[in-house]
Amino acid sequence: MYITIIASFAIVECMIGLSHTNVHIVRDSFNVFLMLSALVFSSKALQLSQKPKDDDYPYGYRRFNIMAAFVNSVYLLFSFIFNFVDNLHHMLEHWEVDAHQADS
């Protein structure tokens, strides 16, 4: 149910961003979609990690849980780097605009 609510919020956010031609809102909706895919991947990996051992995996399926944690940490790292660089760019861009307005 939570996944449906999050997905519907992201769809509405993307539609609003496209209708207002706001790149930041559309980018945020894609970020929500990526977060949602990481959440679905983690929940499936958690379900797999509960399975008992068998002939294919004699030590069990617990490593799927570790793999999901690694994928989530890589997603968070790239999300942080992308958002940090983008916000730094916008911050510097707005300072240049403010400096030019102060000169005139």
N, C-alpha and C. Protein backbone atom coordinates (compact mmCIF):
# COMPACT_ATOMS: atom_id res chain seq x y z
N MET A 1 0.81 -1.19 0.00
CA MET A 1 0.00 0.00 0.00
C MET A 1 0.86 1.26 0.00
N TYR A 2 1.95 1.26 0.79
CA TYR A 2 2.81 2.42 0.83
C TYR A 2 3.48 2.65 -0.52
N ILE A 3 3.82 1.58 -1.20
CA ILE A 3 4.46 1.71 -2.50
C ILE A 3 3.50 2.37 -3.49
N THR A 4 2.24 2.01 -3.43
CA THR A 4 1.24 2.62 -4.31
C THR A 4 1.08 4.11 -4.01
N ILE A 5 1.07 4.47 -2.75
CA ILE A 5 0.94 5.88 -2.37
C ILE A 5 2.15 6.67 -2.86
N ILE A 6 3.34 6.13 -2.66
CA ILE A 6 4.55 6.83 -3.09
C ILE A 6 4.59 6.96 -4.61
N ALA A 7 4.22 5.89 -5.32
CA ALA A 7 4.22 5.93 -6.78
C ALA A 7 3.19 6.93 -7.30
N SER A 8 2.01 6.97 -6.70
CA SER A 8 1.01 7.94 -7.15
C SER A 8 1.45 9.37 -6.87
N PHE A 9 2.12 9.60 -5.74
CA PHE A 9 2.65 10.92 -5.45
C PHE A 9 3.70 11.32 -6.48
N ALA A 10 4.58 10.38 -6.86
CA ALA A 10 5.61 10.68 -7.83
C ALA A 10 5.02 10.97 -9.21
N ILE A 11 3.97 10.25 -9.58
CA ILE A 11 3.32 10.49 -10.88
C ILE A 11 2.67 11.87 -10.90
N VAL A 12 1.97 12.22 -9.82
CA VAL A 12 1.34 13.54 -9.75
C VAL A 12 2.41 14.64 -9.75
N GLU A 13 3.49 14.42 -9.03
CA GLU A 13 4.57 15.40 -8.99
C GLU A 13 5.19 15.59 -10.37
N CYS A 14 5.38 14.49 -11.10
CA CYS A 14 5.95 14.58 -12.44
C CYS A 14 4.99 15.31 -13.39
N MET A 15 3.70 15.04 -13.28
CA MET A 15 2.72 15.72 -14.14
C MET A 15 2.67 17.21 -13.84
N ILE A 16 2.74 17.58 -12.57
CA ILE A 16 2.74 19.00 -12.21
C ILE A 16 4.01 19.67 -12.70
N GLY A 17 5.14 18.98 -12.55
CA GLY A 17 6.40 19.55 -13.03
C GLY A 17 6.42 19.73 -14.54
N LEU A 18 5.86 18.77 -15.27
CA LEU A 18 5.80 18.90 -16.73
C LEU A 18 4.83 19.99 -17.15
N SER A 19 3.71 20.12 -16.46
CA SER A 19 2.73 21.14 -16.84
C SER A 19 3.24 22.55 -16.55
N HIS A 20 4.07 22.70 -15.52
CA HIS A 20 4.63 24.01 -15.19
C HIS A 20 6.03 24.20 -15.76
N THR A 21 6.51 23.23 -16.53
CA THR A 21 7.87 23.23 -17.11
C THR A 21 8.92 23.56 -16.05
N ASN A 22 8.84 22.87 -14.93
CA ASN A 22 9.80 23.04 -13.84
C ASN A 22 10.67 21.79 -13.78
N VAL A 23 11.93 21.96 -14.14
CA VAL A 23 12.86 20.84 -14.21
C VAL A 23 13.14 20.27 -12.82
N HIS A 24 13.14 21.11 -11.82
CA HIS A 24 13.47 20.64 -10.47
C HIS A 24 12.40 19.72 -9.91
N ILE A 25 11.15 20.00 -10.19
CA ILE A 25 10.08 19.13 -9.71
C ILE A 25 10.11 17.80 -10.46
N VAL A 26 10.38 17.84 -11.76
CA VAL A 26 10.48 16.60 -12.54
C VAL A 26 11.66 15.77 -12.05
N ARG A 27 12.78 16.44 -11.78
CA ARG A 27 13.96 15.73 -11.27
C ARG A 27 13.67 15.09 -9.91
N ASP A 28 12.93 15.79 -9.08
CA ASP A 28 12.57 15.23 -7.78
C ASP A 28 11.65 14.03 -7.93
N SER A 29 10.75 14.07 -8.91
CA SER A 29 9.87 12.91 -9.12
C SER A 29 10.67 11.71 -9.61
N PHE A 30 11.68 11.93 -10.46
CA PHE A 30 12.53 10.82 -10.87
C PHE A 30 13.35 10.29 -9.70
N ASN A 31 13.74 11.19 -8.81
CA ASN A 31 14.45 10.75 -7.60
C ASN A 31 13.54 9.88 -6.74
N VAL A 32 12.25 10.23 -6.66
CA VAL A 32 11.30 9.43 -5.91
C VAL A 32 11.11 8.06 -6.57
N PHE A 33 11.07 8.04 -7.92
CA PHE A 33 10.96 6.76 -8.62
C PHE A 33 12.19 5.88 -8.35
N LEU A 34 13.38 6.47 -8.33
CA LEU A 34 14.58 5.69 -8.02
C LEU A 34 14.55 5.18 -6.58
N MET A 35 14.10 6.03 -5.67
CA MET A 35 13.97 5.59 -4.28
C MET A 35 12.96 4.46 -4.15
N LEU A 36 11.88 4.56 -4.91
CA LEU A 36 10.86 3.52 -4.90
C LEU A 36 11.40 2.21 -5.45
N SER A 37 12.20 2.28 -6.51
CA SER A 37 12.77 1.05 -7.05
C SER A 37 13.76 0.42 -6.07
N ALA A 38 14.52 1.25 -5.34
CA ALA A 38 15.42 0.72 -4.32
C ALA A 38 14.63 0.08 -3.18
N LEU A 39 13.48 0.67 -2.85
CA LEU A 39 12.63 0.10 -1.80
C LEU A 39 12.05 -1.24 -2.22
N VAL A 40 11.60 -1.35 -3.47
CA VAL A 40 11.05 -2.61 -3.97
C VAL A 40 12.15 -3.67 -4.02
N PHE A 41 13.34 -3.28 -4.51
CA PHE A 41 14.46 -4.22 -4.56
C PHE A 41 14.82 -4.72 -3.17
N SER A 42 14.84 -3.82 -2.20
CA SER A 42 15.19 -4.22 -0.83
C SER A 42 14.14 -5.14 -0.23
N SER A 43 12.87 -4.86 -0.50
CA SER A 43 11.83 -5.72 0.07
C SER A 43 11.86 -7.11 -0.55
N LYS A 44 12.14 -7.20 -1.85
CA LYS A 44 12.26 -8.52 -2.49
C LYS A 44 13.49 -9.27 -1.96
N ALA A 45 14.58 -8.54 -1.77
CA ALA A 45 15.77 -9.18 -1.22
C ALA A 45 15.54 -9.65 0.21
N LEU A 46 14.77 -8.88 0.97
CA LEU A 46 14.46 -9.30 2.33
C LEU A 46 13.59 -10.55 2.33
N GLN A 47 12.65 -10.64 1.39
CA GLN A 47 11.85 -11.85 1.28
C GLN A 47 12.71 -13.05 0.90
N LEU A 48 13.65 -12.84 -0.03
CA LEU A 48 14.53 -13.95 -0.44
C LEU A 48 15.46 -14.37 0.70
N SER A 49 15.87 -13.42 1.52
CA SER A 49 16.82 -13.77 2.59
C SER A 49 16.18 -14.64 3.67
N GLN A 50 14.86 -14.70 3.71
CA GLN A 50 14.17 -15.51 4.70
C GLN A 50 14.04 -16.98 4.28
N LYS A 51 14.36 -17.27 3.02
CA LYS A 51 14.24 -18.64 2.55
C LYS A 51 15.28 -19.54 3.21
N PRO A 52 14.96 -20.80 3.48
CA PRO A 52 15.94 -21.70 4.09
C PRO A 52 16.97 -22.16 3.05
N LYS A 53 18.05 -22.74 3.52
CA LYS A 53 19.08 -23.21 2.60
C LYS A 53 18.57 -24.39 1.78
N ASP A 54 19.16 -24.54 0.58
CA ASP A 54 18.81 -25.65 -0.30
C ASP A 54 20.06 -26.10 -1.05
N ASP A 55 19.91 -26.90 -2.09
CA ASP A 55 21.07 -27.41 -2.82
C ASP A 55 21.82 -26.32 -3.57
N ASP A 56 21.09 -25.33 -4.08
CA ASP A 56 21.75 -24.25 -4.82
C ASP A 56 22.52 -23.30 -3.90
N TYR A 57 21.96 -23.02 -2.73
CA TYR A 57 22.59 -22.13 -1.76
C TYR A 57 22.73 -22.87 -0.43
N PRO A 58 23.83 -23.60 -0.23
CA PRO A 58 23.96 -24.40 0.99
C PRO A 58 24.09 -23.56 2.26
N TYR A 59 24.47 -22.28 2.13
CA TYR A 59 24.58 -21.42 3.32
C TYR A 59 23.34 -20.56 3.51
N GLY A 60 22.35 -20.74 2.68
CA GLY A 60 21.11 -19.96 2.80
C GLY A 60 21.12 -18.74 1.89
N TYR A 61 20.10 -17.97 2.02
CA TYR A 61 19.90 -16.81 1.17
C TYR A 61 20.15 -15.50 1.89
N ARG A 62 20.87 -15.53 2.99
CA ARG A 62 21.10 -14.33 3.79
C ARG A 62 21.91 -13.27 3.05
N ARG A 63 22.69 -13.67 2.07
CA ARG A 63 23.52 -12.69 1.36
C ARG A 63 22.69 -11.74 0.50
N PHE A 64 21.46 -12.11 0.18
CA PHE A 64 20.61 -11.19 -0.57
C PHE A 64 20.31 -9.95 0.26
N ASN A 65 20.22 -10.12 1.55
CA ASN A 65 20.00 -8.99 2.45
C ASN A 65 21.21 -8.05 2.43
N ILE A 66 22.40 -8.62 2.45
CA ILE A 66 23.62 -7.82 2.40
C ILE A 66 23.75 -7.12 1.05
N MET A 67 23.39 -7.82 -0.02
CA MET A 67 23.44 -7.22 -1.35
C MET A 67 22.47 -6.05 -1.45
N ALA A 68 21.29 -6.18 -0.88
CA ALA A 68 20.32 -5.09 -0.90
C ALA A 68 20.84 -3.88 -0.12
N ALA A 69 21.48 -4.12 1.00
CA ALA A 69 22.06 -3.03 1.77
C ALA A 69 23.16 -2.33 0.98
N PHE A 70 23.96 -3.09 0.26
CA PHE A 70 25.02 -2.49 -0.57
C PHE A 70 24.41 -1.65 -1.69
N VAL A 71 23.39 -2.16 -2.36
CA VAL A 71 22.74 -1.41 -3.44
C VAL A 71 22.12 -0.13 -2.91
N ASN A 72 21.49 -0.19 -1.74
CA ASN A 72 20.90 1.01 -1.15
C ASN A 72 21.97 2.03 -0.78
N SER A 73 23.10 1.57 -0.26
CA SER A 73 24.16 2.51 0.11
C SER A 73 24.77 3.16 -1.14
N VAL A 74 24.92 2.41 -2.22
CA VAL A 74 25.43 2.99 -3.47
C VAL A 74 24.43 4.00 -4.01
N TYR A 75 23.13 3.68 -3.96
CA TYR A 75 22.10 4.63 -4.40
C TYR A 75 22.17 5.91 -3.58
N LEU A 76 22.28 5.80 -2.26
CA LEU A 76 22.34 6.98 -1.41
C LEU A 76 23.59 7.80 -1.68
N LEU A 77 24.72 7.14 -1.95
CA LEU A 77 25.95 7.84 -2.24
C LEU A 77 25.83 8.65 -3.53
N PHE A 78 25.34 8.01 -4.60
CA PHE A 78 25.19 8.73 -5.87
C PHE A 78 24.13 9.82 -5.77
N SER A 79 23.08 9.57 -5.04
CA SER A 79 22.05 10.59 -4.85
C SER A 79 22.61 11.79 -4.10
N PHE A 80 23.40 11.54 -3.09
CA PHE A 80 24.03 12.64 -2.35
C PHE A 80 24.96 13.44 -3.23
N ILE A 81 25.83 12.76 -3.98
CA ILE A 81 26.79 13.45 -4.84
C ILE A 81 26.06 14.29 -5.90
N PHE A 82 25.06 13.70 -6.55
CA PHE A 82 24.33 14.42 -7.58
C PHE A 82 23.62 15.64 -7.00
N ASN A 83 22.93 15.48 -5.88
CA ASN A 83 22.22 16.61 -5.27
C ASN A 83 23.17 17.68 -4.75
N PHE A 84 24.31 17.27 -4.20
CA PHE A 84 25.29 18.23 -3.69
C PHE A 84 25.85 19.07 -4.83
N VAL A 85 26.25 18.42 -5.93
CA VAL A 85 26.81 19.15 -7.06
C VAL A 85 25.75 20.07 -7.68
N ASP A 86 24.53 19.58 -7.82
CA ASP A 86 23.48 20.40 -8.41
C ASP A 86 23.15 21.60 -7.53
N ASN A 87 23.06 21.40 -6.24
CA ASN A 87 22.77 22.52 -5.34
C ASN A 87 23.92 23.50 -5.27
N LEU A 88 25.14 23.01 -5.33
CA LEU A 88 26.29 23.90 -5.36
C LEU A 88 26.29 24.74 -6.64
N HIS A 89 25.93 24.13 -7.75
CA HIS A 89 25.84 24.86 -9.01
C HIS A 89 24.79 25.96 -8.93
N HIS A 90 23.62 25.64 -8.40
CA HIS A 90 22.57 26.64 -8.30
C HIS A 90 22.92 27.74 -7.31
N MET A 91 23.61 27.38 -6.24
CA MET A 91 23.99 28.38 -5.26
C MET A 91 24.98 29.37 -5.87
N LEU A 92 25.98 28.86 -6.60
CA LEU A 92 26.95 29.75 -7.23
C LEU A 92 26.33 30.56 -8.35
N GLU A 93 25.40 29.96 -9.08
CA GLU A 93 24.74 30.68 -10.17
C GLU A 93 23.91 31.84 -9.62
N HIS A 94 23.21 31.64 -8.53
CA HIS A 94 22.40 32.70 -7.95
C HIS A 94 23.26 33.78 -7.32
N TRP A 95 24.42 33.42 -6.80
CA TRP A 95 25.31 34.45 -6.27
C TRP A 95 25.81 35.36 -7.37
N GLU A 96 26.11 34.78 -8.56
CA GLU A 96 26.57 35.61 -9.67
C GLU A 96 25.47 36.57 -10.12
N VAL A 97 24.24 36.10 -10.16
CA VAL A 97 23.12 36.96 -10.54
C VAL A 97 22.94 38.07 -9.52
N ASP A 98 23.01 37.74 -8.25
CA ASP A 98 22.87 38.76 -7.20
C ASP A 98 24.00 39.77 -7.27
N ALA A 99 25.20 39.34 -7.59
CA ALA A 99 26.33 40.26 -7.67
C ALA A 99 26.15 41.22 -8.84
N HIS A 100 25.64 40.75 -9.96
CA HIS A 100 25.41 41.62 -11.11
C HIS A 100 24.29 42.61 -10.84
N GLN A 101 23.29 42.22 -10.11
CA GLN A 101 22.21 43.12 -9.79
C GLN A 101 22.65 44.21 -8.80
N ALA A 102 23.58 43.87 -7.95
CA ALA A 102 24.07 44.84 -6.97
C ALA A 102 24.93 45.90 -7.65
N ASP A 103 25.61 45.55 -8.75
CA ASP A 103 26.47 46.51 -9.45
C ASP A 103 25.66 47.57 -10.17
N SER A 104 24.49 47.25 -10.65
CA SER A 104 23.73 48.21 -11.45
C SER A 104 22.86 49.11 -10.63
